[in-house]
């Protein structure tokens, strides 16, 4: 990953960064807004699934791109729904940014530098 193109590094940063930021936001809500600890279930799932996509990309597994599309689409849709249904303004702002981040990651997964990194000469 050290010699990877910037697009690959951005995808890695988006998948892990959005999930970590979402986990911190839920931790804030659990501590200060009296949300239930069960609220950690979905952010931790996004962290695990995003980590699996990143690990697959690091190992140059071709199926990691497809898994990345699924994860980005699933959690992007989830954040779009959170943005529409949230009552707290910071959840709306974060969900809008997370939706944009996941969609940008999906676009970058289809870019030629990421395809060359994952698929090699077959791209």
PDB file of N, CA and C in Angstrom:
ATOM      1  N   UNK A   1       0.815  -1.196   0.000  1.00  0.00           N
ATOM      2  CA  UNK A   1       0.000   0.000   0.000  1.00  0.00           C
ATOM      3  C   UNK A   1       0.861   1.264   0.000  1.00  0.00           C
ATOM      4  N   UNK A   2       2.134   1.118   0.321  1.00  0.00           N
ATOM      5  CA  UNK A   2       3.000   2.290   0.381  1.00  0.00           C
ATOM      6  C   UNK A   2       3.193   2.923  -0.988  1.00  0.00           C
ATOM      7  N   UNK A   3       3.288   2.104  -2.029  1.00  0.00           N
ATOM      8  CA  UNK A   3       3.503   2.614  -3.378  1.00  0.00           C
ATOM      9  C   UNK A   3       2.201   2.750  -4.167  1.00  0.00           C
ATOM     10  N   UNK A   4       1.091   2.686  -3.503  1.00  0.00           N
ATOM     11  CA  UNK A   4      -0.201   2.739  -4.185  1.00  0.00           C
ATOM     12  C   UNK A   4      -0.492   4.159  -4.656  1.00  0.00           C
ATOM     13  N   UNK A   5      -1.338   4.244  -5.666  1.00  0.00           N
ATOM     14  CA  UNK A   5      -1.768   5.541  -6.177  1.00  0.00           C
ATOM     15  C   UNK A   5      -2.634   6.242  -5.136  1.00  0.00           C
ATOM     16  N   UNK A   6      -2.805   7.545  -5.298  1.00  0.00           N
ATOM     17  CA  UNK A   6      -3.542   8.334  -4.325  1.00  0.00           C
ATOM     18  C   UNK A   6      -5.012   7.916  -4.264  1.00  0.00           C
ATOM     19  N   UNK A   7      -5.576   7.445  -5.379  1.00  0.00           N
ATOM     20  CA  UNK A   7      -6.976   7.020  -5.382  1.00  0.00           C
ATOM     21  C   UNK A   7      -7.202   5.837  -4.458  1.00  0.00           C
ATOM     22  N   UNK A   8      -6.243   4.911  -4.430  1.00  0.00           N
ATOM     23  CA  UNK A   8      -6.337   3.745  -3.551  1.00  0.00           C
ATOM     24  C   UNK A   8      -6.274   4.184  -2.095  1.00  0.00           C
ATOM     25  N   UNK A   9      -5.399   5.105  -1.795  1.00  0.00           N
ATOM     26  CA  UNK A   9      -5.274   5.597  -0.422  1.00  0.00           C
ATOM     27  C   UNK A   9      -6.522   6.354   0.018  1.00  0.00           C
ATOM     28  N   UNK A  10      -7.143   7.078  -0.908  1.00  0.00           N
ATOM     29  CA  UNK A  10      -8.377   7.794  -0.566  1.00  0.00           C
ATOM     30  C   UNK A  10      -9.491   6.802  -0.264  1.00  0.00           C
ATOM     31  N   UNK A  11      -9.608   5.743  -1.056  1.00  0.00           N
ATOM     32  CA  UNK A  11     -10.640   4.731  -0.810  1.00  0.00           C
ATOM     33  C   UNK A  11     -10.435   4.084   0.556  1.00  0.00           C
ATOM     34  N   UNK A  12      -9.198   3.751   0.874  1.00  0.00           N
ATOM     35  CA  UNK A  12      -8.888   3.160   2.180  1.00  0.00           C
ATOM     36  C   UNK A  12      -9.256   4.128   3.299  1.00  0.00           C
ATOM     37  N   UNK A  13      -8.875   5.382   3.138  1.00  0.00           N
ATOM     38  CA  UNK A  13      -9.185   6.382   4.149  1.00  0.00           C
ATOM     39  C   UNK A  13     -10.675   6.605   4.325  1.00  0.00           C
ATOM     40  N   UNK A  14     -11.414   6.580   3.223  1.00  0.00           N
ATOM     41  CA  UNK A  14     -12.858   6.781   3.318  1.00  0.00           C
ATOM     42  C   UNK A  14     -13.543   5.613   4.020  1.00  0.00           C
ATOM     43  N   UNK A  15     -13.219   4.391   3.633  1.00  0.00           N
ATOM     44  CA  UNK A  15     -13.876   3.240   4.246  1.00  0.00           C
ATOM     45  C   UNK A  15     -13.589   3.158   5.746  1.00  0.00           C
ATOM     46  N   UNK A  16     -12.357   3.406   6.137  1.00  0.00           N
ATOM     47  CA  UNK A  16     -12.033   3.315   7.564  1.00  0.00           C
ATOM     48  C   UNK A  16     -12.376   4.596   8.324  1.00  0.00           C
ATOM     49  N   UNK A  17     -12.158   5.743   7.693  1.00  0.00           N
ATOM     50  CA  UNK A  17     -12.388   7.014   8.377  1.00  0.00           C
ATOM     51  C   UNK A  17     -13.849   7.292   8.667  1.00  0.00           C
ATOM     52  N   UNK A  18     -14.728   6.998   7.705  1.00  0.00           N
ATOM     53  CA  UNK A  18     -16.154   7.231   7.937  1.00  0.00           C
ATOM     54  C   UNK A  18     -16.650   6.322   9.055  1.00  0.00           C
ATOM     55  N   UNK A  19     -16.218   5.064   9.043  1.00  0.00           N
ATOM     56  CA  UNK A  19     -16.667   4.132  10.076  1.00  0.00           C
ATOM     57  C   UNK A  19     -16.162   4.547  11.457  1.00  0.00           C
ATOM     58  N   UNK A  20     -14.912   4.994  11.546  1.00  0.00           N
ATOM     59  CA  UNK A  20     -14.383   5.445  12.841  1.00  0.00           C
ATOM     60  C   UNK A  20     -15.079   6.709  13.323  1.00  0.00           C
ATOM     61  N   UNK A  21     -15.321   7.632  12.419  1.00  0.00           N
ATOM     62  CA  UNK A  21     -16.024   8.861  12.800  1.00  0.00           C
ATOM     63  C   UNK A  21     -17.448   8.549  13.243  1.00  0.00           C
ATOM     64  N   UNK A  22     -18.097   7.609  12.573  1.00  0.00           N
ATOM     65  CA  UNK A  22     -19.461   7.228  12.934  1.00  0.00           C
ATOM     66  C   UNK A  22     -19.481   6.579  14.319  1.00  0.00           C
ATOM     67  N   UNK A  23     -18.476   5.754  14.609  1.00  0.00           N
ATOM     68  CA  UNK A  23     -18.381   5.132  15.929  1.00  0.00           C
ATOM     69  C   UNK A  23     -18.183   6.193  17.006  1.00  0.00           C
ATOM     70  N   UNK A  24     -17.360   7.202  16.742  1.00  0.00           N
ATOM     71  CA  UNK A  24     -17.167   8.281  17.718  1.00  0.00           C
ATOM     72  C   UNK A  24     -18.444   9.101  17.904  1.00  0.00           C
ATOM     73  N   UNK A  25     -19.185   9.333  16.829  1.00  0.00           N
ATOM     74  CA  UNK A  25     -20.446  10.060  16.940  1.00  0.00           C
ATOM     75  C   UNK A  25     -21.451   9.290  17.792  1.00  0.00           C
ATOM     76  N   UNK A  26     -21.524   7.988  17.598  1.00  0.00           N
ATOM     77  CA  UNK A  26     -22.430   7.176  18.410  1.00  0.00           C
ATOM     78  C   UNK A  26     -21.963   7.146  19.856  1.00  0.00           C
ATOM     79  N   UNK A  27     -20.648   7.111  20.085  1.00  0.00           N
ATOM     80  CA  UNK A  27     -20.144   7.160  21.461  1.00  0.00           C
ATOM     81  C   UNK A  27     -20.558   8.462  22.134  1.00  0.00           C
ATOM     82  N   UNK A  28     -20.497   9.565  21.403  1.00  0.00           N
ATOM     83  CA  UNK A  28     -20.943  10.855  21.934  1.00  0.00           C
ATOM     84  C   UNK A  28     -22.431  10.811  22.275  1.00  0.00           C
ATOM     85  N   UNK A  29     -23.222  10.221  21.385  1.00  0.00           N
ATOM     86  CA  UNK A  29     -24.657  10.138  21.636  1.00  0.00           C
ATOM     87  C   UNK A  29     -24.973   9.230  22.824  1.00  0.00           C
ATOM     88  N   UNK A  30     -24.235   8.150  22.982  1.00  0.00           N
ATOM     89  CA  UNK A  30     -24.470   7.245  24.112  1.00  0.00           C
ATOM     90  C   UNK A  30     -24.111   7.945  25.421  1.00  0.00           C
ATOM     91  N   UNK A  31     -23.024   8.704  25.406  1.00  0.00           N
ATOM     92  CA  UNK A  31     -22.589   9.354  26.643  1.00  0.00           C
ATOM     93  C   UNK A  31     -23.431  10.566  27.016  1.00  0.00           C
ATOM     94  N   UNK A  32     -23.824  11.371  26.036  1.00  0.00           N
ATOM     95  CA  UNK A  32     -24.434  12.658  26.353  1.00  0.00           C
ATOM     96  C   UNK A  32     -25.907  12.798  25.973  1.00  0.00           C
ATOM     97  N   UNK A  33     -26.414  11.973  25.077  1.00  0.00           N
ATOM     98  CA  UNK A  33     -27.789  12.120  24.632  1.00  0.00           C
ATOM     99  C   UNK A  33     -28.637  10.933  25.119  1.00  0.00           C
ATOM    100  N   UNK A  34     -28.071  10.059  25.890  1.00  0.00           N
ATOM    101  CA  UNK A  34     -28.758   8.899  26.458  1.00  0.00           C
ATOM    102  C   UNK A  34     -29.277   7.929  25.406  1.00  0.00           C
ATOM    103  N   UNK A  35     -28.480   7.693  24.370  1.00  0.00           N
ATOM    104  CA  UNK A  35     -28.825   6.663  23.391  1.00  0.00           C
ATOM    105  C   UNK A  35     -28.454   5.295  23.973  1.00  0.00           C
ATOM    106  N   UNK A  36     -29.041   4.262  23.435  1.00  0.00           N
ATOM    107  CA  UNK A  36     -28.762   2.911  23.924  1.00  0.00           C
ATOM    108  C   UNK A  36     -27.415   2.425  23.400  1.00  0.00           C
ATOM    109  N   UNK A  37     -26.678   1.628  24.195  1.00  0.00           N
ATOM    110  CA  UNK A  37     -25.398   1.083  23.718  1.00  0.00           C
ATOM    111  C   UNK A  37     -25.545   0.163  22.506  1.00  0.00           C
ATOM    112  N   UNK A  38     -26.755  -0.344  22.276  1.00  0.00           N
ATOM    113  CA  UNK A  38     -26.987  -1.168  21.093  1.00  0.00           C
ATOM    114  C   UNK A  38     -26.796  -0.368  19.809  1.00  0.00           C
ATOM    115  N   UNK A  39     -26.740   0.962  19.930  1.00  0.00           N
ATOM    116  CA  UNK A  39     -26.529   1.832  18.773  1.00  0.00           C
ATOM    117  C   UNK A  39     -25.163   1.609  18.128  1.00  0.00           C
ATOM    118  N   UNK A  40     -24.242   0.974  18.842  1.00  0.00           N
ATOM    119  CA  UNK A  40     -22.906   0.708  18.293  1.00  0.00           C
ATOM    120  C   UNK A  40     -22.899  -0.411  17.269  1.00  0.00           C
ATOM    121  N   UNK A  41     -23.986  -1.155  17.152  1.00  0.00           N
ATOM    122  CA  UNK A  41     -24.009  -2.336  16.295  1.00  0.00           C
ATOM    123  C   UNK A  41     -23.719  -2.011  14.829  1.00  0.00           C
ATOM    124  N   UNK A  42     -24.403  -1.041  14.258  1.00  0.00           N
ATOM    125  CA  UNK A  42     -24.245  -0.733  12.837  1.00  0.00           C
ATOM    126  C   UNK A  42     -22.901  -0.042  12.548  1.00  0.00           C
ATOM    127  N   UNK A  43     -22.454   0.940  13.361  1.00  0.00           N
ATOM    128  CA  UNK A  43     -21.136   1.522  13.075  1.00  0.00           C
ATOM    129  C   UNK A  43     -19.993   0.512  13.180  1.00  0.00           C
ATOM    130  N   UNK A  44     -20.073  -0.390  14.134  1.00  0.00           N
ATOM    131  CA  UNK A  44     -19.025  -1.411  14.247  1.00  0.00           C
ATOM    132  C   UNK A  44     -19.096  -2.367  13.065  1.00  0.00           C
ATOM    133  N   UNK A  45     -20.308  -2.677  12.604  1.00  0.00           N
ATOM    134  CA  UNK A  45     -20.442  -3.521  11.404  1.00  0.00           C
ATOM    135  C   UNK A  45     -19.834  -2.823  10.193  1.00  0.00           C
ATOM    136  N   UNK A  46     -20.044  -1.503  10.073  1.00  0.00           N
ATOM    137  CA  UNK A  46     -19.438  -0.790   8.946  1.00  0.00           C
ATOM    138  C   UNK A  46     -17.919  -0.764   9.064  1.00  0.00           C
ATOM    139  N   UNK A  47     -17.414  -0.689  10.286  1.00  0.00           N
ATOM    140  CA  UNK A  47     -15.961  -0.721  10.486  1.00  0.00           C
ATOM    141  C   UNK A  47     -15.393  -2.091  10.111  1.00  0.00           C
ATOM    142  N   UNK A  48     -16.078  -3.150  10.496  1.00  0.00           N
ATOM    143  CA  UNK A  48     -15.605  -4.502  10.171  1.00  0.00           C
ATOM    144  C   UNK A  48     -15.682  -4.748   8.663  1.00  0.00           C
ATOM    145  N   UNK A  49     -16.815  -4.423   8.054  1.00  0.00           N
ATOM    146  CA  UNK A  49     -16.951  -4.667   6.616  1.00  0.00           C
ATOM    147  C   UNK A  49     -16.008  -3.780   5.801  1.00  0.00           C
ATOM    148  N   UNK A  50     -15.861  -2.525   6.211  1.00  0.00           N
ATOM    149  CA  UNK A  50     -14.907  -1.649   5.538  1.00  0.00           C
ATOM    150  C   UNK A  50     -13.480  -2.146   5.710  1.00  0.00           C
ATOM    151  N   UNK A  51     -13.174  -2.664   6.892  1.00  0.00           N
ATOM    152  CA  UNK A  51     -11.842  -3.237   7.124  1.00  0.00           C
ATOM    153  C   UNK A  51     -11.586  -4.453   6.263  1.00  0.00           C
ATOM    154  N   UNK A  52     -12.616  -5.261   6.055  1.00  0.00           N
ATOM    155  CA  UNK A  52     -12.454  -6.421   5.174  1.00  0.00           C
ATOM    156  C   UNK A  52     -12.210  -5.994   3.730  1.00  0.00           C
ATOM    157  N   UNK A  53     -12.898  -4.960   3.288  1.00  0.00           N
ATOM    158  CA  UNK A  53     -12.680  -4.451   1.926  1.00  0.00           C
ATOM    159  C   UNK A  53     -11.255  -3.914   1.793  1.00  0.00           C
ATOM    160  N   UNK A  54     -10.822  -3.161   2.787  1.00  0.00           N
ATOM    161  CA  UNK A  54      -9.464  -2.599   2.757  1.00  0.00           C
ATOM    162  C   UNK A  54      -8.421  -3.715   2.792  1.00  0.00           C
ATOM    163  N   UNK A  55      -8.641  -4.732   3.622  1.00  0.00           N
ATOM    164  CA  UNK A  55      -7.695  -5.853   3.674  1.00  0.00           C
ATOM    165  C   UNK A  55      -7.662  -6.590   2.338  1.00  0.00           C
ATOM    166  N   UNK A  56      -8.817  -6.764   1.714  1.00  0.00           N
ATOM    167  CA  UNK A  56      -8.850  -7.406   0.396  1.00  0.00           C
ATOM    168  C   UNK A  56      -8.121  -6.589  -0.649  1.00  0.00           C
ATOM    169  N   UNK A  57      -8.266  -5.260  -0.572  1.00  0.00           N
ATOM    170  CA  UNK A  57      -7.532  -4.417  -1.524  1.00  0.00           C
ATOM    171  C   UNK A  57      -6.033  -4.485  -1.268  1.00  0.00           C
ATOM    172  N   UNK A  58      -5.646  -4.536   0.000  1.00  0.00           N
ATOM    173  CA  UNK A  58      -4.215  -4.621   0.319  1.00  0.00           C
ATOM    174  C   UNK A  58      -3.625  -5.935  -0.182  1.00  0.00           C
ATOM    175  N   UNK A  59      -4.425  -6.996  -0.152  1.00  0.00           N
ATOM    176  CA  UNK A  59      -3.969  -8.290  -0.660  1.00  0.00           C
ATOM    177  C   UNK A  59      -4.204  -8.445  -2.158  1.00  0.00           C
ATOM    178  N   UNK A  60      -4.739  -7.400  -2.784  1.00  0.00           N
ATOM    179  CA  UNK A  60      -5.006  -7.351  -4.225  1.00  0.00           C
ATOM    180  C   UNK A  60      -5.960  -8.454  -4.678  1.00  0.00           C
ATOM    181  N   UNK A  61      -7.002  -8.648  -3.892  1.00  0.00           N
ATOM    182  CA  UNK A  61      -8.033  -9.625  -4.245  1.00  0.00           C
ATOM    183  C   UNK A  61      -9.045  -8.944  -5.171  1.00  0.00           C
ATOM    184  N   UNK A  62      -9.284  -9.511  -6.354  1.00  0.00           N
ATOM    185  CA  UNK A  62     -10.223  -8.872  -7.288  1.00  0.00           C
ATOM    186  C   UNK A  62     -11.638  -8.737  -6.728  1.00  0.00           C
ATOM    187  N   UNK A  63     -12.053  -9.643  -5.873  1.00  0.00           N
ATOM    188  CA  UNK A  63     -13.404  -9.582  -5.319  1.00  0.00           C
ATOM    189  C   UNK A  63     -13.567  -8.433  -4.316  1.00  0.00           C
ATOM    190  N   UNK A  64     -12.480  -7.834  -3.891  1.00  0.00           N
ATOM    191  CA  UNK A  64     -12.583  -6.731  -2.927  1.00  0.00           C
ATOM    192  C   UNK A  64     -13.241  -5.502  -3.552  1.00  0.00           C
ATOM    193  N   UNK A  65     -13.082  -5.311  -4.852  1.00  0.00           N
ATOM    194  CA  UNK A  65     -13.771  -4.196  -5.513  1.00  0.00           C
ATOM    195  C   UNK A  65     -15.280  -4.394  -5.486  1.00  0.00           C
ATOM    196  N   UNK A  66     -15.733  -5.606  -5.774  1.00  0.00           N
ATOM    197  CA  UNK A  66     -17.164  -5.892  -5.762  1.00  0.00           C
ATOM    198  C   UNK A  66     -17.704  -5.748  -4.339  1.00  0.00           C
ATOM    199  N   UNK A  67     -16.972  -6.272  -3.369  1.00  0.00           N
ATOM    200  CA  UNK A  67     -17.381  -6.122  -1.971  1.00  0.00           C
ATOM    201  C   UNK A  67     -17.401  -4.651  -1.580  1.00  0.00           C
ATOM    202  N   UNK A  68     -16.463  -3.878  -2.093  1.00  0.00           N
ATOM    203  CA  UNK A  68     -16.436  -2.445  -1.815  1.00  0.00           C
ATOM    204  C   UNK A  68     -17.652  -1.730  -2.385  1.00  0.00           C
ATOM    205  N   UNK A  69     -18.072  -2.123  -3.586  1.00  0.00           N
ATOM    206  CA  UNK A  69     -19.296  -1.545  -4.157  1.00  0.00           C
ATOM    207  C   UNK A  69     -20.504  -1.855  -3.283  1.00  0.00           C
ATOM    208  N   UNK A  70     -20.587  -3.096  -2.805  1.00  0.00           N
ATOM    209  CA  UNK A  70     -21.725  -3.497  -1.970  1.00  0.00           C
ATOM    210  C   UNK A  70     -21.720  -2.731  -0.650  1.00  0.00           C
ATOM    211  N   UNK A  71     -20.561  -2.660  -0.007  1.00  0.00           N
ATOM    212  CA  UNK A  71     -20.460  -1.960   1.279  1.00  0.00           C
ATOM    213  C   UNK A  71     -20.742  -0.470   1.104  1.00  0.00           C
ATOM    214  N   UNK A  72     -20.181   0.139   0.078  1.00  0.00           N
ATOM    215  CA  UNK A  72     -20.409   1.568  -0.150  1.00  0.00           C
ATOM    216  C   UNK A  72     -21.875   1.839  -0.469  1.00  0.00           C
ATOM    217  N   UNK A  73     -22.491   0.997  -1.274  1.00  0.00           N
ATOM    218  CA  UNK A  73     -23.898   1.183  -1.601  1.00  0.00           C
ATOM    219  C   UNK A  73     -24.803   0.989  -0.399  1.00  0.00           C
ATOM    220  N   UNK A  74     -24.519  -0.047   0.378  1.00  0.00           N
ATOM    221  CA  UNK A  74     -25.343  -0.339   1.550  1.00  0.00           C
ATOM    222  C   UNK A  74     -25.272   0.771   2.589  1.00  0.00           C
ATOM    223  N   UNK A  75     -24.065   1.147   2.967  1.00  0.00           N
ATOM    224  CA  UNK A  75     -23.930   2.163   4.002  1.00  0.00           C
ATOM    225  C   UNK A  75     -24.194   3.568   3.469  1.00  0.00           C
ATOM    226  N   UNK A  76     -23.995   3.782   2.170  1.00  0.00           N
ATOM    227  CA  UNK A  76     -24.391   5.062   1.588  1.00  0.00           C
ATOM    228  C   UNK A  76     -25.900   5.243   1.640  1.00  0.00           C
ATOM    229  N   UNK A  77     -26.640   4.195   1.290  1.00  0.00           N
ATOM    230  CA  UNK A  77     -28.095   4.245   1.373  1.00  0.00           C
ATOM    231  C   UNK A  77     -28.555   4.418   2.821  1.00  0.00           C
ATOM    232  N   UNK A  78     -27.905   3.732   3.729  1.00  0.00           N
ATOM    233  CA  UNK A  78     -28.249   3.847   5.147  1.00  0.00           C
ATOM    234  C   UNK A  78     -28.043   5.274   5.652  1.00  0.00           C
ATOM    235  N   UNK A  79     -26.947   5.900   5.249  1.00  0.00           N
ATOM    236  CA  UNK A  79     -26.693   7.281   5.668  1.00  0.00           C
ATOM    237  C   UNK A  79     -27.667   8.254   5.011  1.00  0.00           C
ATOM    238  N   UNK A  80     -28.076   7.969   3.783  1.00  0.00           N
ATOM    239  CA  UNK A  80     -29.083   8.822   3.145  1.00  0.00           C
ATOM    240  C   UNK A  80     -30.398   8.757   3.910  1.00  0.00           C
ATOM    241  N   UNK A  81     -30.770   7.570   4.358  1.00  0.00           N
ATOM    242  CA  UNK A  81     -31.987   7.434   5.155  1.00  0.00           C
ATOM    243  C   UNK A  81     -31.844   8.089   6.521  1.00  0.00           C
ATOM    244  N   UNK A  82     -30.656   7.954   7.137  1.00  0.00           N
ATOM    245  CA  UNK A  82     -30.419   8.629   8.419  1.00  0.00           C
ATOM    246  C   UNK A  82     -30.504  10.141   8.261  1.00  0.00           C
ATOM    247  N   UNK A  83     -29.996  10.642   7.150  1.00  0.00           N
ATOM    248  CA  UNK A  83     -30.014  12.077   6.910  1.00  0.00           C
ATOM    249  C   UNK A  83     -31.455  12.582   6.806  1.00  0.00           C
ATOM    250  N   UNK A  84     -32.305  11.793   6.195  1.00  0.00           N
ATOM    251  CA  UNK A  84     -33.699  12.207   6.041  1.00  0.00           C
ATOM    252  C   UNK A  84     -34.502  12.064   7.335  1.00  0.00           C
ATOM    253  N   UNK A  85     -34.145  11.086   8.167  1.00  0.00           N
ATOM    254  CA  UNK A  85     -34.967  10.802   9.332  1.00  0.00           C
ATOM    255  C   UNK A  85     -34.428  11.283  10.662  1.00  0.00           C
ATOM    256  N   UNK A  86     -33.222  11.823  10.694  1.00  0.00           N
ATOM    257  CA  UNK A  86     -32.629  12.216  11.977  1.00  0.00           C
ATOM    258  C   UNK A  86     -33.278  13.487  12.512  1.00  0.00           C
ATOM    259  N   UNK A  87     -33.260  13.605  13.830  1.00  0.00           N
ATOM    260  CA  UNK A  87     -33.794  14.802  14.471  1.00  0.00           C
ATOM    261  C   UNK A  87     -32.685  15.748  14.910  1.00  0.00           C
ATOM    262  N   UNK A  88     -31.521  15.209  15.197  1.00  0.00           N
ATOM    263  CA  UNK A  88     -30.399  16.035  15.643  1.00  0.00           C
ATOM    264  C   UNK A  88     -29.650  16.574  14.426  1.00  0.00           C
ATOM    265  N   UNK A  89     -29.321  17.838  14.440  1.00  0.00           N
ATOM    266  CA  UNK A  89     -28.729  18.464  13.262  1.00  0.00           C
ATOM    267  C   UNK A  89     -27.345  17.902  12.951  1.00  0.00           C
ATOM    268  N   UNK A  90     -26.555  17.553  13.975  1.00  0.00           N
ATOM    269  CA  UNK A  90     -25.209  17.054  13.694  1.00  0.00           C
ATOM    270  C   UNK A  90     -25.260  15.654  13.091  1.00  0.00           C
ATOM    271  N   UNK A  91     -26.305  14.895  13.374  1.00  0.00           N
ATOM    272  CA  UNK A  91     -26.463  13.592  12.734  1.00  0.00           C
ATOM    273  C   UNK A  91     -26.810  13.784  11.257  1.00  0.00           C
ATOM    274  N   UNK A  92     -27.636  14.782  10.960  1.00  0.00           N
ATOM    275  CA  UNK A  92     -27.971  15.083   9.559  1.00  0.00           C
ATOM    276  C   UNK A  92     -26.726  15.505   8.777  1.00  0.00           C
ATOM    277  N   UNK A  93     -25.925  16.374   9.374  1.00  0.00           N
ATOM    278  CA  UNK A  93     -24.708  16.846   8.699  1.00  0.00           C
ATOM    279  C   UNK A  93     -23.735  15.694   8.490  1.00  0.00           C
ATOM    280  N   UNK A  94     -23.510  14.903   9.544  1.00  0.00           N
ATOM    281  CA  UNK A  94     -22.578  13.788   9.410  1.00  0.00           C
ATOM    282  C   UNK A  94     -23.076  12.778   8.388  1.00  0.00           C
ATOM    283  N   UNK A  95     -24.368  12.466   8.426  1.00  0.00           N
ATOM    284  CA  UNK A  95     -24.901  11.473   7.494  1.00  0.00           C
ATOM    285  C   UNK A  95     -24.813  11.961   6.050  1.00  0.00           C
ATOM    286  N   UNK A  96     -25.012  13.241   5.820  1.00  0.00           N
ATOM    287  CA  UNK A  96     -24.851  13.780   4.475  1.00  0.00           C
ATOM    288  C   UNK A  96     -23.415  13.668   3.988  1.00  0.00           C
ATOM    289  N   UNK A  97     -22.476  13.994   4.865  1.00  0.00           N
ATOM    290  CA  UNK A  97     -21.059  13.873   4.496  1.00  0.00           C
ATOM    291  C   UNK A  97     -20.650  12.413   4.313  1.00  0.00           C
ATOM    292  N   UNK A  98     -21.161  11.534   5.172  1.00  0.00           N
ATOM    293  CA  UNK A  98     -20.834  10.111   5.048  1.00  0.00           C
ATOM    294  C   UNK A  98     -21.421   9.530   3.766  1.00  0.00           C
ATOM    295  N   UNK A  99     -22.648   9.939   3.415  1.00  0.00           N
ATOM    296  CA  UNK A  99     -23.246   9.501   2.153  1.00  0.00           C
ATOM    297  C   UNK A  99     -22.373   9.926   0.977  1.00  0.00           C
ATOM    298  N   UNK A 100     -21.954  11.183   0.983  1.00  0.00           N
ATOM    299  CA  UNK A 100     -21.092  11.672  -0.099  1.00  0.00           C
ATOM    300  C   UNK A 100     -19.765  10.914  -0.124  1.00  0.00           C
ATOM    301  N   UNK A 101     -19.212  10.630   1.044  1.00  0.00           N
ATOM    302  CA  UNK A 101     -17.949   9.898   1.111  1.00  0.00           C
ATOM    303  C   UNK A 101     -18.061   8.478   0.578  1.00  0.00           C
ATOM    304  N   UNK A 102     -19.125   7.788   0.951  1.00  0.00           N
ATOM    305  CA  UNK A 102     -19.307   6.423   0.446  1.00  0.00           C
ATOM    306  C   UNK A 102     -19.553   6.405  -1.062  1.00  0.00           C
ATOM    307  N   UNK A 103     -20.297   7.366  -1.566  1.00  0.00           N
ATOM    308  CA  UNK A 103     -20.530   7.410  -3.012  1.00  0.00           C
ATOM    309  C   UNK A 103     -19.237   7.746  -3.763  1.00  0.00           C
ATOM    310  N   UNK A 104     -18.415   8.634  -3.194  1.00  0.00           N
ATOM    311  CA  UNK A 104     -17.134   8.954  -3.814  1.00  0.00           C
ATOM    312  C   UNK A 104     -16.213   7.734  -3.796  1.00  0.00           C
ATOM    313  N   UNK A 105     -16.251   6.968  -2.700  1.00  0.00           N
ATOM    314  CA  UNK A 105     -15.457   5.740  -2.642  1.00  0.00           C
ATOM    315  C   UNK A 105     -15.917   4.752  -3.706  1.00  0.00           C
ATOM    316  N   UNK A 106     -17.219   4.668  -3.936  1.00  0.00           N
ATOM    317  CA  UNK A 106     -17.727   3.762  -4.974  1.00  0.00           C
ATOM    318  C   UNK A 106     -17.264   4.209  -6.355  1.00  0.00           C
ATOM    319  N   UNK A 107     -17.247   5.508  -6.589  1.00  0.00           N
ATOM    320  CA  UNK A 107     -16.761   6.018  -7.876  1.00  0.00           C
ATOM    321  C   UNK A 107     -15.275   5.714  -8.034  1.00  0.00           C
ATOM    322  N   UNK A 108     -14.507   5.925  -6.974  1.00  0.00           N
ATOM    323  CA  UNK A 108     -13.066   5.666  -7.059  1.00  0.00           C
ATOM    324  C   UNK A 108     -12.760   4.178  -7.210  1.00  0.00           C
ATOM    325  N   UNK A 109     -13.611   3.312  -6.676  1.00  0.00           N
ATOM    326  CA  UNK A 109     -13.393   1.873  -6.856  1.00  0.00           C
ATOM    327  C   UNK A 109     -13.454   1.471  -8.329  1.00  0.00           C
ATOM    328  N   UNK A 110     -14.139   2.261  -9.134  1.00  0.00           N
ATOM    329  CA  UNK A 110     -14.250   1.964 -10.561  1.00  0.00           C
ATOM    330  C   UNK A 110     -13.232   2.726 -11.394  1.00  0.00           C
ATOM    331  N   UNK A 111     -12.363   3.506 -10.748  1.00  0.00           N
ATOM    332  CA  UNK A 111     -11.362   4.270 -11.494  1.00  0.00           C
ATOM    333  C   UNK A 111     -10.219   3.354 -11.934  1.00  0.00           C
ATOM    334  N   UNK A 112      -9.531   3.768 -12.959  1.00  0.00           N
ATOM    335  CA  UNK A 112      -8.465   2.941 -13.524  1.00  0.00           C
ATOM    336  C   UNK A 112      -7.293   2.714 -12.553  1.00  0.00           C
ATOM    337  N   UNK A 113      -6.851   3.712 -11.762  1.00  0.00           N
ATOM    338  CA  UNK A 113      -5.755   3.420 -10.837  1.00  0.00           C
ATOM    339  C   UNK A 113      -6.107   2.345  -9.811  1.00  0.00           C
ATOM    340  N   UNK A 114      -7.334   2.345  -9.304  1.00  0.00           N
ATOM    341  CA  UNK A 114      -7.732   1.312  -8.347  1.00  0.00           C
ATOM    342  C   UNK A 114      -7.861  -0.030  -9.058  1.00  0.00           C
ATOM    343  N   UNK A 115      -8.397  -0.021 -10.265  1.00  0.00           N
ATOM    344  CA  UNK A 115      -8.510  -1.267 -11.023  1.00  0.00           C
ATOM    345  C   UNK A 115      -7.132  -1.856 -11.321  1.00  0.00           C
ATOM    346  N   UNK A 116      -6.182  -1.002 -11.685  1.00  0.00           N
ATOM    347  CA  UNK A 116      -4.816  -1.489 -11.946  1.00  0.00           C
ATOM    348  C   UNK A 116      -4.170  -2.014 -10.679  1.00  0.00           C
ATOM    349  N   UNK A 117      -4.445  -1.346  -9.544  1.00  0.00           N
ATOM    350  CA  UNK A 117      -3.851  -1.800  -8.285  1.00  0.00           C
ATOM    351  C   UNK A 117      -4.386  -3.158  -7.887  1.00  0.00           C
ATOM    352  N   UNK A 118      -5.707  -3.358  -8.019  1.00  0.00           N
ATOM    353  CA  UNK A 118      -6.314  -4.591  -7.561  1.00  0.00           C
ATOM    354  C   UNK A 118      -6.168  -5.706  -8.591  1.00  0.00           C
ATOM    355  N   UNK A 119      -6.413  -5.392  -9.859  1.00  0.00           N
ATOM    356  CA  UNK A 119      -6.425  -6.433 -10.891  1.00  0.00           C
ATOM    357  C   UNK A 119      -5.077  -6.657 -11.548  1.00  0.00           C
ATOM    358  N   UNK A 120      -4.172  -5.709 -11.443  1.00  0.00           N
ATOM    359  CA  UNK A 120      -2.870  -5.841 -12.058  1.00  0.00           C
ATOM    360  C   UNK A 120      -2.938  -5.632 -13.556  1.00  0.00           C
ATOM    361  N   UNK A 121      -2.272  -6.478 -14.321  1.00  0.00           N
ATOM    362  CA  UNK A 121      -2.175  -6.316 -15.774  1.00  0.00           C
ATOM    363  C   UNK A 121      -3.488  -6.644 -16.471  1.00  0.00           C
ATOM    364  N   UNK A 122      -4.414  -7.321 -15.789  1.00  0.00           N
ATOM    365  CA  UNK A 122      -5.695  -7.672 -16.411  1.00  0.00           C
ATOM    366  C   UNK A 122      -6.633  -6.472 -16.550  1.00  0.00           C
ATOM    367  N   UNK A 123      -6.314  -5.369 -15.882  1.00  0.00           N
ATOM    368  CA  UNK A 123      -7.194  -4.191 -15.929  1.00  0.00           C
ATOM    369  C   UNK A 123      -7.091  -3.569 -17.295  1.00  0.00           C
TER     370      UNK A 123
END
